[in-house]
């Protein structure tokens, strides 16, 4: 099984450079010991009864984690009339390839699914004749982002999706046994920004295993589509499952790569106060003052004194130009445009 991740294309002196990325895996056998152990871990951590274990929601979400990664798998895709070699997959099952495209090719094959937002380049997996019996070919798409304009880099958990990251048990239940729910008002705000020509990149600590579910959530909730940048997570690395969060340094590195790929664009960074978004975004803003137009942080309830939270934001704000860091508690406090 191959899952393709939403990526982007950026301009180069000769045209466009597009990225194809994804992950190759195969399901764990139904009666395997590894599957039984993983399900037992889920049951204990989430405190599930047998009825909840049998729900379609839990089975579908859990299946995203109950697989074996496939290394060395050759991956080919068809983009327009071009066949692209995107593999082989590495030891984690992931693959990534950059392909250069000329202006005429992108103009001919890019499609715009909505009146607003960036156009996208769709592509399709080319099945491997050496792997009979595989599911139908997967599909992916690449966001074509102009070299100038405004982009929003947005967190997902507790920024646009209710997750309750501060409470691990609630986080896990919101991840595995409940429908994903949008933070009230955020889809409307983001759509308004999109209508103003803004492009979106979602940089989150959620694991890549949830990429399909999160992409579906964005569409269902009415949030703009965008490239997706999630966390590499392996079930066996956790103790157990651990926190579905990423290291601060990893998130900052991804954000700075996006800024480097679009040196002429201005960026607004949107996150929440539940973990380290304020510190990560402030560090990026200090390093890239010409590119970061604003930092918007949603205040979420945490188990700290209110004055401690205020001191936290005051300290960060003093290190940035006046007005760059702003906080909000509800979406209706956000401006008509991101910057």
Protein backbone atom coordinates (compact mmCIF):
# COMPACT_ATOMS: atom_id res chain seq x y z
CA UNK A 1 0.00 0.00 0.00
CA UNK A 2 1.33 3.42 -0.97
CA UNK A 3 0.11 6.67 0.59
CA UNK A 4 1.11 9.92 -1.10
CA UNK A 5 1.53 13.09 0.97
CA UNK A 6 0.30 16.53 -0.22
CA UNK A 7 3.43 18.47 -1.23
CA UNK A 8 4.28 21.66 -3.12
CA UNK A 9 6.08 22.95 -6.19
CA UNK A 10 8.28 26.05 -6.05
CA UNK A 11 9.82 28.20 -8.76
CA UNK A 12 13.39 27.80 -9.97
CA UNK A 13 15.34 29.80 -12.58
CA UNK A 14 14.31 27.19 -15.19
CA UNK A 15 10.69 26.64 -14.24
CA UNK A 16 9.29 24.64 -11.31
CA UNK A 17 10.63 22.01 -8.91
CA UNK A 18 7.91 19.67 -7.64
CA UNK A 19 8.18 17.17 -4.80
CA UNK A 20 6.61 13.71 -4.74
CA UNK A 21 6.58 12.05 -1.31
CA UNK A 22 4.84 9.28 0.56
CA UNK A 23 5.14 6.01 2.44
CA UNK A 24 5.01 2.32 1.51
CA UNK A 25 3.62 -0.23 3.96
CA UNK A 26 1.75 -3.50 4.24
CA UNK A 27 -0.87 -4.39 6.89
CA UNK A 28 0.11 -6.59 9.81
CA UNK A 29 -1.45 -10.06 9.49
CA UNK A 30 -4.75 -10.35 11.36
CA UNK A 31 -3.46 -13.03 13.73
CA UNK A 32 0.09 -11.78 14.14
CA UNK A 33 1.65 -11.37 17.57
CA UNK A 34 2.71 -7.78 16.80
CA UNK A 35 -0.87 -6.82 15.95
CA UNK A 36 -2.22 -8.42 19.14
CA UNK A 37 0.33 -6.58 21.28
CA UNK A 38 -0.37 -3.24 19.58
CA UNK A 39 -4.14 -3.58 20.02
CA UNK A 40 -3.60 -4.47 23.69
CA UNK A 41 -1.53 -1.29 24.09
CA UNK A 42 -4.28 0.79 22.49
CA UNK A 43 -6.89 -0.81 24.74
CA UNK A 44 -4.92 -0.09 27.90
CA UNK A 45 -3.89 3.47 27.05
CA UNK A 46 -7.32 4.52 25.86
CA UNK A 47 -9.17 2.50 28.53
CA UNK A 48 -11.42 0.98 25.88
CA UNK A 49 -14.08 -1.63 26.44
CA UNK A 50 -14.74 -4.42 23.95
CA UNK A 51 -17.58 -2.50 22.27
CA UNK A 52 -15.29 0.48 21.59
CA UNK A 53 -12.61 -1.82 20.21
CA UNK A 54 -15.11 -3.04 17.64
CA UNK A 55 -16.27 0.37 16.45
CA UNK A 56 -15.57 1.27 12.84
CA UNK A 57 -13.89 4.51 13.93
CA UNK A 58 -11.33 2.80 16.18
CA UNK A 59 -10.60 0.04 13.69
CA UNK A 60 -10.04 2.52 10.87
CA UNK A 61 -7.77 4.83 12.88
CA UNK A 62 -5.85 1.97 14.51
CA UNK A 63 -5.24 0.35 11.13
CA UNK A 64 -3.21 3.43 10.22
CA UNK A 65 -0.63 2.26 12.78
CA UNK A 66 -0.89 -1.52 12.40
CA UNK A 67 1.44 -2.07 9.47
CA UNK A 68 4.93 -3.07 8.45
CA UNK A 69 7.07 -0.53 6.66
CA UNK A 70 8.37 -1.67 3.29
CA UNK A 71 11.95 -0.67 2.42
CA UNK A 72 13.44 -0.79 -1.05
CA UNK A 73 10.10 -0.60 -2.87
CA UNK A 74 10.33 1.00 -6.31
CA UNK A 75 7.79 3.81 -6.65
CA UNK A 76 6.80 5.34 -9.99
CA UNK A 77 4.12 7.92 -10.71
CA UNK A 78 2.46 9.32 -13.80
CA UNK A 79 2.29 13.13 -13.84
CA UNK A 80 0.67 14.30 -17.05
CA UNK A 81 2.61 12.61 -19.83
CA UNK A 82 5.70 12.16 -17.66
CA UNK A 83 6.63 9.02 -15.76
CA UNK A 84 8.65 9.82 -12.62
CA UNK A 85 10.82 7.53 -10.51
CA UNK A 86 10.03 8.46 -6.87
CA UNK A 87 11.59 5.51 -5.03
CA UNK A 88 13.01 3.32 -3.73
CA UNK A 89 11.52 3.63 -0.27
CA UNK A 90 14.00 3.97 2.60
CA UNK A 91 14.21 1.85 5.76
CA UNK A 92 11.22 3.70 7.27
CA UNK A 93 9.12 3.05 4.17
CA UNK A 94 9.28 6.70 3.11
CA UNK A 95 10.25 8.02 -0.31
CA UNK A 96 10.84 11.51 -1.70
CA UNK A 97 11.82 12.78 -5.10
CA UNK A 98 12.14 16.21 -6.69
CA UNK A 99 11.36 16.68 -10.37
CA UNK A 100 11.97 19.75 -12.52
CA UNK A 101 9.09 20.89 -14.72
CA UNK A 102 8.97 23.66 -17.28
CA UNK A 103 6.43 26.48 -17.28
CA UNK A 104 4.43 25.10 -20.18
CA UNK A 105 4.05 21.68 -18.56
CA UNK A 106 2.74 23.17 -15.32
CA UNK A 107 0.32 25.48 -17.16
CA UNK A 108 -1.01 22.54 -19.13
CA UNK A 109 -1.52 20.11 -16.24
CA UNK A 110 -2.26 22.20 -13.13
CA UNK A 111 -5.90 22.24 -12.05
CA UNK A 112 -7.76 24.49 -9.63
CA UNK A 113 -10.42 22.63 -7.66
CA UNK A 114 -11.80 25.79 -6.00
CA UNK A 115 -12.14 29.38 -7.22
CA UNK A 116 -9.66 30.47 -4.52
CA UNK A 117 -6.35 28.98 -3.55
CA UNK A 118 -3.40 27.61 -5.49
CA UNK A 119 -3.70 25.22 -8.43
CA UNK A 120 -2.60 21.60 -7.94
CA UNK A 121 -0.75 19.04 -10.07
CA UNK A 122 -2.46 15.63 -9.75
CA UNK A 123 -0.58 12.39 -10.35
CA UNK A 124 -1.23 8.65 -10.17
CA UNK A 125 0.84 5.71 -9.01
CA UNK A 126 2.14 3.40 -11.73
CA UNK A 127 1.51 -0.15 -10.41
CA UNK A 128 4.52 -2.43 -10.09
CA UNK A 129 4.14 -5.54 -12.23
CA UNK A 130 6.32 -7.42 -9.74
CA UNK A 131 3.82 -6.88 -6.94
CA UNK A 132 0.63 -8.68 -8.04
CA UNK A 133 -2.53 -8.44 -5.99
CA UNK A 134 -1.86 -4.92 -4.70
CA UNK A 135 -4.70 -2.41 -4.16
CA UNK A 136 -5.59 -0.03 -6.98
CA UNK A 137 -3.12 2.73 -7.84
CA UNK A 138 -2.85 5.54 -5.34
CA UNK A 139 -3.23 9.20 -6.19
CA UNK A 140 -1.37 12.28 -5.03
CA UNK A 141 -1.18 15.98 -5.72
CA UNK A 142 1.28 18.86 -5.61
CA UNK A 143 0.35 22.42 -4.67
CA UNK A 144 1.72 24.97 -7.16
CA UNK A 145 2.72 27.94 -4.99
CA UNK A 146 3.67 31.25 -6.69
CA UNK A 147 7.04 32.74 -5.81
CA UNK A 148 5.48 35.89 -4.31
CA UNK A 149 2.50 36.47 -2.02
CA UNK A 150 1.48 35.47 1.50
CA UNK A 151 1.55 31.97 2.97
CA UNK A 152 0.19 30.65 6.25
CA UNK A 153 2.15 27.97 8.08
CA UNK A 154 -0.37 26.42 10.43
CA UNK A 155 -0.23 23.87 13.21
CA UNK A 156 -3.14 21.38 13.30
CA UNK A 157 -3.70 20.03 16.82
CA UNK A 158 -5.51 22.58 19.02
CA UNK A 159 -5.00 25.23 16.34
CA UNK A 160 -7.55 24.10 13.75
CA UNK A 161 -8.50 20.68 15.19
CA UNK A 162 -9.64 19.99 18.76
CA UNK A 163 -7.06 17.55 20.17
CA UNK A 164 -6.34 18.50 23.80
CA UNK A 165 -2.63 17.75 23.49
CA UNK A 166 -1.99 18.72 27.13
CA UNK A 167 -4.02 15.70 28.33
CA UNK A 168 -2.47 12.55 26.86
CA UNK A 169 -5.50 10.34 27.45
CA UNK A 170 -7.84 12.88 25.84
CA UNK A 171 -5.38 13.36 22.98
CA UNK A 172 -5.37 9.62 22.28
CA UNK A 173 -9.16 9.34 22.48
CA UNK A 174 -9.57 12.33 20.18
CA UNK A 175 -7.15 10.63 17.80
CA UNK A 176 -8.53 7.09 17.79
CA UNK A 177 -12.17 6.91 18.91
CA UNK A 178 -13.77 10.28 18.11
CA UNK A 179 -14.56 12.11 14.92
CA UNK A 180 -12.08 14.91 14.27
CA UNK A 181 -13.66 18.27 15.14
CA UNK A 182 -12.59 21.72 13.98
CA UNK A 183 -11.82 24.55 16.37
CA UNK A 184 -14.92 26.78 16.10
CA UNK A 185 -14.55 29.56 13.56
CA UNK A 186 -11.14 28.56 12.21
CA UNK A 187 -12.40 27.07 8.91
CA UNK A 188 -14.27 30.30 8.15
CA UNK A 189 -11.23 32.45 8.93
CA UNK A 190 -8.87 30.31 6.84
CA UNK A 191 -11.29 30.22 3.90
CA UNK A 192 -11.56 34.01 4.02
CA UNK A 193 -7.79 34.27 3.95
CA UNK A 194 -7.61 31.78 1.08
CA UNK A 195 -10.05 33.88 -0.91
CA UNK A 196 -7.55 36.72 -0.49
CA UNK A 197 -4.88 34.68 -2.27
CA UNK A 198 -3.16 33.04 0.71
CA UNK A 199 -1.58 29.57 0.37
CA UNK A 200 -1.36 27.09 3.24
CA UNK A 201 1.23 24.69 4.67
CA UNK A 202 0.24 22.48 7.62
CA UNK A 203 3.24 21.68 9.84
CA UNK A 204 2.20 19.45 12.72
CA UNK A 205 3.46 17.00 15.34
CA UNK A 206 0.78 14.52 14.29
CA UNK A 207 2.28 11.32 12.83
CA UNK A 208 2.42 10.58 9.11
CA UNK A 209 0.14 7.61 9.75
CA UNK A 210 -2.74 10.08 10.10
CA UNK A 211 -2.06 11.95 6.85
CA UNK A 212 -5.01 10.42 5.00
CA UNK A 213 -7.40 11.04 7.92
CA UNK A 214 -6.16 14.61 8.37
CA UNK A 215 -6.41 15.40 4.66
CA UNK A 216 -10.00 14.14 4.74
CA UNK A 217 -10.67 16.21 7.87
CA UNK A 218 -9.45 19.41 6.21
CA UNK A 219 -11.89 18.90 3.35
CA UNK A 220 -14.82 17.87 5.56
CA UNK A 221 -14.28 20.78 7.95
CA UNK A 222 -14.04 23.29 5.12
CA UNK A 223 -10.39 24.15 5.81
CA UNK A 224 -8.21 25.06 2.80
CA UNK A 225 -6.06 22.34 1.29
CA UNK A 226 -2.33 22.74 1.65
CA UNK A 227 0.93 20.85 1.74
CA UNK A 228 1.28 18.63 4.79
CA UNK A 229 4.39 18.12 6.93
CA UNK A 230 3.96 15.64 9.77
CA UNK A 231 6.11 13.65 12.19
CA UNK A 232 7.95 10.40 11.54
CA UNK A 233 6.54 8.09 14.21
CA UNK A 234 7.14 4.39 14.83
CA UNK A 235 4.99 2.43 17.27
CA UNK A 236 8.01 0.57 18.64
CA UNK A 237 9.81 3.86 19.42
CA UNK A 238 7.21 4.94 21.99
CA UNK A 239 6.89 4.04 25.64
CA UNK A 240 4.25 2.94 24.79
CA UNK A 241 2.80 5.15 22.03
CA UNK A 242 4.41 8.02 23.90
CA UNK A 243 3.22 11.50 23.11
CA UNK A 244 2.05 12.13 19.59
CA UNK A 245 4.24 15.21 19.41
CA UNK A 246 7.50 16.15 17.73
CA UNK A 247 10.71 17.70 18.95
CA UNK A 248 10.88 21.48 18.83
CA UNK A 249 13.97 21.39 16.64
CA UNK A 250 12.31 19.16 14.02
CA UNK A 251 9.33 21.47 13.57
CA UNK A 252 11.53 24.53 13.31
CA UNK A 253 13.71 22.84 10.68
CA UNK A 254 10.67 22.05 8.51
CA UNK A 255 9.34 25.61 8.76
CA UNK A 256 12.69 27.13 7.85
CA UNK A 257 12.95 24.83 4.83
CA UNK A 258 9.59 26.09 3.57
CA UNK A 259 10.75 29.69 4.02
CA UNK A 260 13.97 28.90 2.16
CA UNK A 261 12.01 27.39 -0.74
CA UNK A 262 9.95 30.60 -1.07
CA UNK A 263 12.40 33.43 -0.31
CA UNK A 264 10.16 36.12 -1.86
CA UNK A 265 6.97 35.19 -0.01
CA UNK A 266 5.81 36.59 3.34
CA UNK A 267 4.65 34.15 6.03
CA UNK A 268 2.24 34.19 8.94
CA UNK A 269 2.78 31.43 11.52
CA UNK A 270 -0.37 30.22 13.30
CA UNK A 271 -0.24 27.87 16.29
CA UNK A 272 -1.39 27.41 19.87
CA UNK A 273 -0.01 27.78 23.37
CA UNK A 274 -0.44 24.12 24.36
CA UNK A 275 3.19 23.21 23.71
CA UNK A 276 6.11 24.95 22.02
CA UNK A 277 4.61 26.75 19.04
CA UNK A 278 5.19 30.23 20.54
CA UNK A 279 8.89 29.53 21.18
CA UNK A 280 9.43 27.80 17.81
CA UNK A 281 7.68 30.54 15.85
CA UNK A 282 9.44 33.33 17.74
CA UNK A 283 12.82 31.73 16.99
CA UNK A 284 11.97 31.55 13.28
CA UNK A 285 10.71 35.14 13.28
CA UNK A 286 13.97 36.37 14.84
CA UNK A 287 16.03 34.54 12.22
CA UNK A 288 13.81 35.51 9.29
CA UNK A 289 12.45 39.01 10.07
CA UNK A 290 12.09 39.90 6.38
CA UNK A 291 9.85 36.91 5.73
CA UNK A 292 7.75 36.47 8.90
CA UNK A 293 4.93 39.02 8.85
CA UNK A 294 3.20 37.77 11.97
CA UNK A 295 2.86 35.10 14.65
CA UNK A 296 -0.66 34.24 15.80
CA UNK A 297 -1.07 32.01 18.85
CA UNK A 298 -4.36 30.53 20.04
CA UNK A 299 -4.47 30.44 23.84
CA UNK A 300 -5.61 27.02 25.06
CA UNK A 301 -6.33 26.03 28.68
CA UNK A 302 -3.23 24.68 30.43
CA UNK A 303 -2.46 23.73 34.01
CA UNK A 304 -0.45 26.84 34.76
CA UNK A 305 -1.27 30.12 36.41
CA UNK A 306 -2.66 32.85 34.15
CA UNK A 307 0.15 35.22 35.11
CA UNK A 308 2.72 32.59 34.07
CA UNK A 309 1.17 32.45 30.57
CA UNK A 310 1.22 36.24 30.33
CA UNK A 311 4.87 36.36 31.36
CA UNK A 312 5.63 33.73 28.74
CA UNK A 313 4.13 35.79 25.92
CA UNK A 314 5.52 39.08 27.20
CA UNK A 315 9.02 37.61 27.22
CA UNK A 316 8.69 36.36 23.65
CA UNK A 317 7.11 39.60 22.41
CA UNK A 318 9.99 41.69 23.76
CA UNK A 319 12.36 39.80 21.47
CA UNK A 320 10.33 40.56 18.36
CA UNK A 321 9.33 43.72 16.50
CA UNK A 322 6.24 45.39 17.96
CA UNK A 323 2.98 43.76 16.86
CA UNK A 324 4.50 40.62 15.33
CA UNK A 325 3.30 38.27 18.11
CA UNK A 326 -0.44 38.30 18.80
CA UNK A 327 -2.60 35.92 20.82
CA UNK A 328 -6.27 35.05 20.54
CA UNK A 329 -8.75 32.81 22.34
CA UNK A 330 -11.47 32.63 19.69
CA UNK A 331 -11.39 32.81 15.90
CA UNK A 332 -13.49 35.98 15.75
CA UNK A 333 -10.53 37.88 17.25
CA UNK A 334 -8.44 37.19 14.14
CA UNK A 335 -8.02 39.89 11.47
CA UNK A 336 -9.76 39.80 8.06
CA UNK A 337 -6.40 38.97 6.51
CA UNK A 338 -3.42 37.13 8.01
CA UNK A 339 -1.07 40.11 7.71
